[in-house]
Structure formats: structure tokens, C-alpha cells
Amino acid sequence: MNVDARVESLKQIHHDLEEAIKEENQRPMPDSAVLSDLKRQKLRIKDEIAQLDAEH
């Protein structure tokens, strides 16, 4: 997989995580542990995208 394809894949994952966070926040009693995990994953993906962009 080339760098551009990897970045696009990561952007899609990042978007999916954002949607999952929104869905969890709309629940009557959002699970803070789930939210924390989703946000941690989203940040890791964002960092990886930034790193690939910087190298590219």
C-alpha cells in the first residue's frame, strides 16, 4: 500500500471513530470508558496521519 492510500485509509478510520464518538455521546448514559478508548484511538490515527504527511 502506498503512502497516499494509507493516509486515505487512516482518514476513513478517523471519520468512523468520530461517528462512533458522536453516537456514544447521544446515548442516554454514555460510557466514559468507551468514549475514552475511542478518543485515544482517534488521536493515535491523527498522529499517524500527521507523521505520514510529514514524511511524504
N, C-alpha and C. Protein backbone atom coordinates (compact mmCIF):
# COMPACT_ATOMS: atom_id res chain seq x y z
N MET A 1 0.85 -1.18 0.00
CA MET A 1 0.00 0.00 0.00
C MET A 1 0.89 1.24 0.00
N ASN A 2 0.65 2.14 -0.94
CA ASN A 2 1.46 3.35 -0.96
C ASN A 2 1.00 4.32 0.13
N VAL A 3 1.79 5.37 0.31
CA VAL A 3 1.54 6.32 1.40
C VAL A 3 0.19 7.01 1.25
N ASP A 4 -0.13 7.45 0.03
CA ASP A 4 -1.41 8.14 -0.18
C ASP A 4 -2.60 7.24 0.15
N ALA A 5 -2.52 5.99 -0.26
CA ALA A 5 -3.61 5.05 0.03
C ALA A 5 -3.71 4.80 1.53
N ARG A 6 -2.58 4.71 2.20
CA ARG A 6 -2.56 4.51 3.66
C ARG A 6 -3.20 5.70 4.37
N VAL A 7 -2.83 6.91 3.93
CA VAL A 7 -3.39 8.12 4.54
C VAL A 7 -4.91 8.16 4.34
N GLU A 8 -5.37 7.84 3.15
CA GLU A 8 -6.81 7.83 2.89
C GLU A 8 -7.52 6.80 3.76
N SER A 9 -6.91 5.64 3.91
CA SER A 9 -7.47 4.61 4.77
C SER A 9 -7.56 5.10 6.22
N LEU A 10 -6.51 5.74 6.68
CA LEU A 10 -6.50 6.25 8.05
C LEU A 10 -7.53 7.37 8.23
N LYS A 11 -7.70 8.19 7.22
CA LYS A 11 -8.70 9.27 7.30
C LYS A 11 -10.10 8.68 7.42
N GLN A 12 -10.36 7.58 6.72
CA GLN A 12 -11.66 6.92 6.81
C GLN A 12 -11.86 6.34 8.22
N ILE A 13 -10.83 5.72 8.76
CA ILE A 13 -10.91 5.18 10.12
C ILE A 13 -11.16 6.31 11.11
N HIS A 14 -10.45 7.44 10.93
CA HIS A 14 -10.61 8.61 11.79
C HIS A 14 -12.06 9.10 11.75
N HIS A 15 -12.61 9.17 10.55
CA HIS A 15 -14.00 9.60 10.38
C HIS A 15 -14.95 8.62 11.08
N ASP A 16 -14.72 7.34 10.91
CA ASP A 16 -15.56 6.32 11.55
C ASP A 16 -15.51 6.42 13.07
N LEU A 17 -14.33 6.70 13.61
CA LEU A 17 -14.19 6.87 15.06
C LEU A 17 -14.95 8.11 15.52
N GLU A 18 -14.89 9.18 14.74
CA GLU A 18 -15.62 10.40 15.07
C GLU A 18 -17.13 10.11 15.14
N GLU A 19 -17.62 9.33 14.19
CA GLU A 19 -19.04 8.96 14.19
C GLU A 19 -19.38 8.10 15.40
N ALA A 20 -18.51 7.19 15.75
CA ALA A 20 -18.74 6.33 16.92
C ALA A 20 -18.78 7.16 18.20
N ILE A 21 -17.93 8.17 18.28
CA ILE A 21 -17.92 9.07 19.45
C ILE A 21 -19.24 9.84 19.52
N LYS A 22 -19.69 10.35 18.38
CA LYS A 22 -20.97 11.08 18.35
C LYS A 22 -22.12 10.18 18.79
N GLU A 23 -22.13 8.94 18.28
CA GLU A 23 -23.20 8.01 18.64
C GLU A 23 -23.18 7.71 20.13
N GLU A 24 -21.99 7.49 20.68
CA GLU A 24 -21.89 7.19 22.12
C GLU A 24 -22.36 8.38 22.94
N ASN A 25 -22.02 9.59 22.53
CA ASN A 25 -22.42 10.79 23.26
C ASN A 25 -23.93 11.01 23.21
N GLN A 26 -24.60 10.46 22.21
CA GLN A 26 -26.05 10.65 22.08
C GLN A 26 -26.84 9.63 22.89
N ARG A 27 -26.16 8.65 23.42
CA ARG A 27 -26.85 7.66 24.26
C ARG A 27 -27.31 8.32 25.55
N PRO A 28 -28.36 7.80 26.17
CA PRO A 28 -28.85 8.39 27.43
C PRO A 28 -27.77 8.44 28.52
N MET A 29 -26.95 7.40 28.60
CA MET A 29 -25.87 7.37 29.59
C MET A 29 -24.59 6.92 28.90
N PRO A 30 -23.88 7.87 28.26
CA PRO A 30 -22.65 7.49 27.55
C PRO A 30 -21.65 6.83 28.49
N ASP A 31 -20.97 5.83 27.98
CA ASP A 31 -19.96 5.10 28.75
C ASP A 31 -18.64 5.86 28.63
N SER A 32 -18.17 6.41 29.73
CA SER A 32 -16.95 7.22 29.69
C SER A 32 -15.73 6.39 29.31
N ALA A 33 -15.70 5.12 29.67
CA ALA A 33 -14.57 4.26 29.30
C ALA A 33 -14.54 4.04 27.79
N VAL A 34 -15.71 3.83 27.20
CA VAL A 34 -15.79 3.64 25.75
C VAL A 34 -15.37 4.92 25.04
N LEU A 35 -15.88 6.06 25.53
CA LEU A 35 -15.52 7.34 24.92
C LEU A 35 -14.02 7.59 25.01
N SER A 36 -13.46 7.31 26.14
CA SER A 36 -12.02 7.50 26.33
C SER A 36 -11.23 6.64 25.36
N ASP A 37 -11.64 5.39 25.20
CA ASP A 37 -10.95 4.48 24.28
C ASP A 37 -11.08 4.97 22.83
N LEU A 38 -12.28 5.38 22.43
CA LEU A 38 -12.49 5.86 21.06
C LEU A 38 -11.65 7.11 20.80
N LYS A 39 -11.63 8.02 21.76
CA LYS A 39 -10.85 9.25 21.59
C LYS A 39 -9.35 8.95 21.52
N ARG A 40 -8.90 7.98 22.30
CA ARG A 40 -7.49 7.59 22.27
C ARG A 40 -7.13 7.01 20.90
N GLN A 41 -8.00 6.16 20.37
CA GLN A 41 -7.78 5.59 19.04
C GLN A 41 -7.76 6.68 17.97
N LYS A 42 -8.69 7.62 18.08
CA LYS A 42 -8.78 8.71 17.11
C LYS A 42 -7.50 9.55 17.13
N LEU A 43 -7.00 9.85 18.30
CA LEU A 43 -5.77 10.63 18.42
C LEU A 43 -4.58 9.88 17.85
N ARG A 44 -4.52 8.57 18.09
CA ARG A 44 -3.43 7.76 17.54
C ARG A 44 -3.45 7.78 16.01
N ILE A 45 -4.65 7.68 15.44
CA ILE A 45 -4.80 7.73 13.98
C ILE A 45 -4.38 9.10 13.46
N LYS A 46 -4.82 10.15 14.15
CA LYS A 46 -4.47 11.51 13.73
C LYS A 46 -2.95 11.70 13.74
N ASP A 47 -2.30 11.20 14.77
CA ASP A 47 -0.84 11.30 14.87
C ASP A 47 -0.16 10.54 13.73
N GLU A 48 -0.69 9.36 13.40
CA GLU A 48 -0.11 8.57 12.33
C GLU A 48 -0.27 9.27 10.97
N ILE A 49 -1.45 9.89 10.77
CA ILE A 49 -1.67 10.65 9.53
C ILE A 49 -0.67 11.80 9.44
N ALA A 50 -0.50 12.53 10.54
CA ALA A 50 0.44 13.66 10.55
C ALA A 50 1.86 13.19 10.28
N GLN A 51 2.24 12.07 10.85
CA GLN A 51 3.58 11.54 10.63
C GLN A 51 3.80 11.16 9.16
N LEU A 52 2.81 10.50 8.58
CA LEU A 52 2.92 10.09 7.17
C LEU A 52 2.95 11.33 6.26
N ASP A 53 2.15 12.34 6.58
CA ASP A 53 2.16 13.57 5.79
C ASP A 53 3.51 14.27 5.88
N ALA A 54 4.11 14.25 7.07
CA ALA A 54 5.40 14.90 7.25
C ALA A 54 6.52 14.18 6.49
N GLU A 55 6.41 12.86 6.41
CA GLU A 55 7.42 12.06 5.71
C GLU A 55 7.24 12.13 4.20
N HIS A 56 6.03 12.38 3.77
CA HIS A 56 5.69 12.34 2.34
C HIS A 56 5.98 13.60 1.64
